[in-house]
Structure formats: structure tokens, C-alpha cells
Protein backbone atom coordinates (compact mmCIF):
# COMPACT_ATOMS: atom_id res chain seq x y z
CA MET A 1 22.95 -19.99 -22.25
CA ILE A 2 19.19 -19.59 -22.84
CA LEU A 3 17.54 -19.84 -25.87
CA ILE A 4 13.95 -19.58 -26.73
CA ARG A 5 11.33 -20.08 -29.24
CA GLU A 6 7.56 -19.49 -28.87
CA ASN A 7 6.99 -20.78 -25.10
CA VAL A 8 9.56 -23.01 -25.43
CA GLU A 9 13.38 -22.47 -23.89
CA ARG A 10 15.95 -24.56 -24.41
CA SER A 11 19.84 -24.47 -22.59
CA ALA A 12 23.17 -24.89 -24.89
CA GLU A 13 26.36 -25.14 -23.51
CA SER A 14 28.31 -24.90 -26.41
CA ALA A 15 28.62 -22.50 -29.43
CA CYS A 16 27.75 -25.62 -31.64
CA GLU A 17 24.35 -26.25 -29.82
CA ILE A 18 23.43 -22.72 -29.97
CA GLU A 19 24.09 -22.92 -33.47
CA LYS A 20 21.79 -25.76 -34.39
CA LEU A 21 19.14 -24.33 -31.85
CA LYS A 22 19.27 -21.33 -33.66
CA ALA A 23 19.08 -22.94 -36.86
CA GLN A 24 15.66 -24.38 -35.75
CA GLY A 25 14.68 -21.03 -35.01
CA PHE A 26 15.01 -20.24 -31.48
CA THR A 27 16.78 -16.63 -30.14
CA VAL A 28 18.87 -15.72 -27.34
CA LEU A 29 17.30 -14.69 -24.62
CA SER A 30 17.60 -11.21 -23.65
CA GLY A 31 20.77 -10.83 -21.07
CA GLU A 32 22.65 -14.05 -21.88
CA ALA A 33 26.13 -14.00 -23.07
CA PRO A 34 27.34 -15.54 -25.78
CA VAL A 35 29.62 -18.40 -25.60
CA SER A 36 32.91 -18.64 -27.06
CA PRO A 37 34.44 -21.61 -28.49
CA GLU A 38 37.80 -20.62 -26.66
CA LYS A 39 36.27 -21.27 -23.55
CA GLU A 40 34.81 -24.87 -24.43
CA ALA A 41 38.36 -26.19 -25.02
CA PRO A 42 41.48 -25.24 -23.65
CA GLY A 43 44.78 -25.34 -26.32
CA ASP A 44 46.26 -28.96 -24.70
CA ILE A 45 42.99 -31.61 -24.50
CA GLU A 46 45.63 -34.13 -23.39
CA THR A 47 45.51 -32.12 -19.90
CA MET A 48 41.47 -31.86 -20.21
CA THR A 49 39.26 -34.16 -17.61
CA VAL A 50 37.14 -36.90 -19.51
CA ALA A 51 33.88 -34.67 -18.24
CA GLN A 52 35.70 -31.97 -20.44
CA LEU A 53 36.67 -33.87 -23.08
CA ARG A 54 33.10 -35.47 -23.41
CA LYS A 55 31.80 -32.24 -23.43
CA LEU A 56 33.76 -31.21 -26.36
CA ALA A 57 32.90 -34.31 -28.40
CA ARG A 58 28.97 -33.66 -28.00
CA ALA A 59 30.02 -30.05 -29.67
CA LYS A 60 31.78 -31.75 -32.39
CA GLY A 61 28.83 -33.77 -32.70
CA ILE A 62 29.82 -37.02 -31.52
CA ARG A 63 27.56 -39.46 -30.30
CA ALA A 64 27.60 -41.92 -27.44
CA VAL A 65 30.72 -40.61 -25.81
CA ASP A 66 29.75 -41.24 -22.21
CA SER A 67 30.52 -44.70 -22.58
CA LEU A 68 34.56 -43.77 -23.38
CA SER A 69 37.61 -43.60 -21.24
CA LYS A 70 39.59 -40.94 -21.91
CA ALA A 71 42.09 -42.45 -24.28
CA ASP A 72 39.61 -43.47 -26.55
CA LEU A 73 38.47 -40.31 -26.51
CA LEU A 74 41.75 -38.30 -26.83
CA GLY A 75 41.88 -40.56 -30.22
CA VAL A 76 38.64 -39.85 -31.49
CA LEU A 77 39.18 -35.91 -31.10
CA GLU A 78 43.01 -36.09 -32.46
CA GLY A 79 41.61 -37.14 -35.27
CA MET A 80 39.49 -35.11 -36.02
CA GLU A 81 41.50 -32.08 -36.29
């Protein structure tokens, strides 16, 4: 999703990122479909890929996820529930 503020455009993939940008004064560029949290995270995180887990972790505000293994990501994400 593309958001805009004055002449600055930002791309956001998760609902969390979108909300942060909106709080900073960005608005959704017309014609963009909203991102729903259901599309971000399938029900069972055990079956998600490492890339999907990293994206989910970032959406939940976890930093430095690029160096984490799948087992570490699962542990961190399950601990947040």
C-alpha cells in the first residue's frame, strides 16, 4: 500500500506499518486496497516460511529479525501471544 504526505510517498506492507504512517500524517493514496491483518498471518505460524515469520515479527514491532532462525522467530512470536 502506498501512503502519501505532501510530496513524500511511503510503502507499507502491514497494517501496523500503515497505522504508524497514518499517525505521522500520511494518507492512503487513492485506489489502494486496505491491508487486513488476516492476510498477514495465517492461523498456524508453524507452517509459515521464515520470510513470512520475519514480516509478521516486524509488523509486531520486533527489531533485528533478519539474523533469527525459524525456531527463534517461532519462540519470540509465540511468546507474544
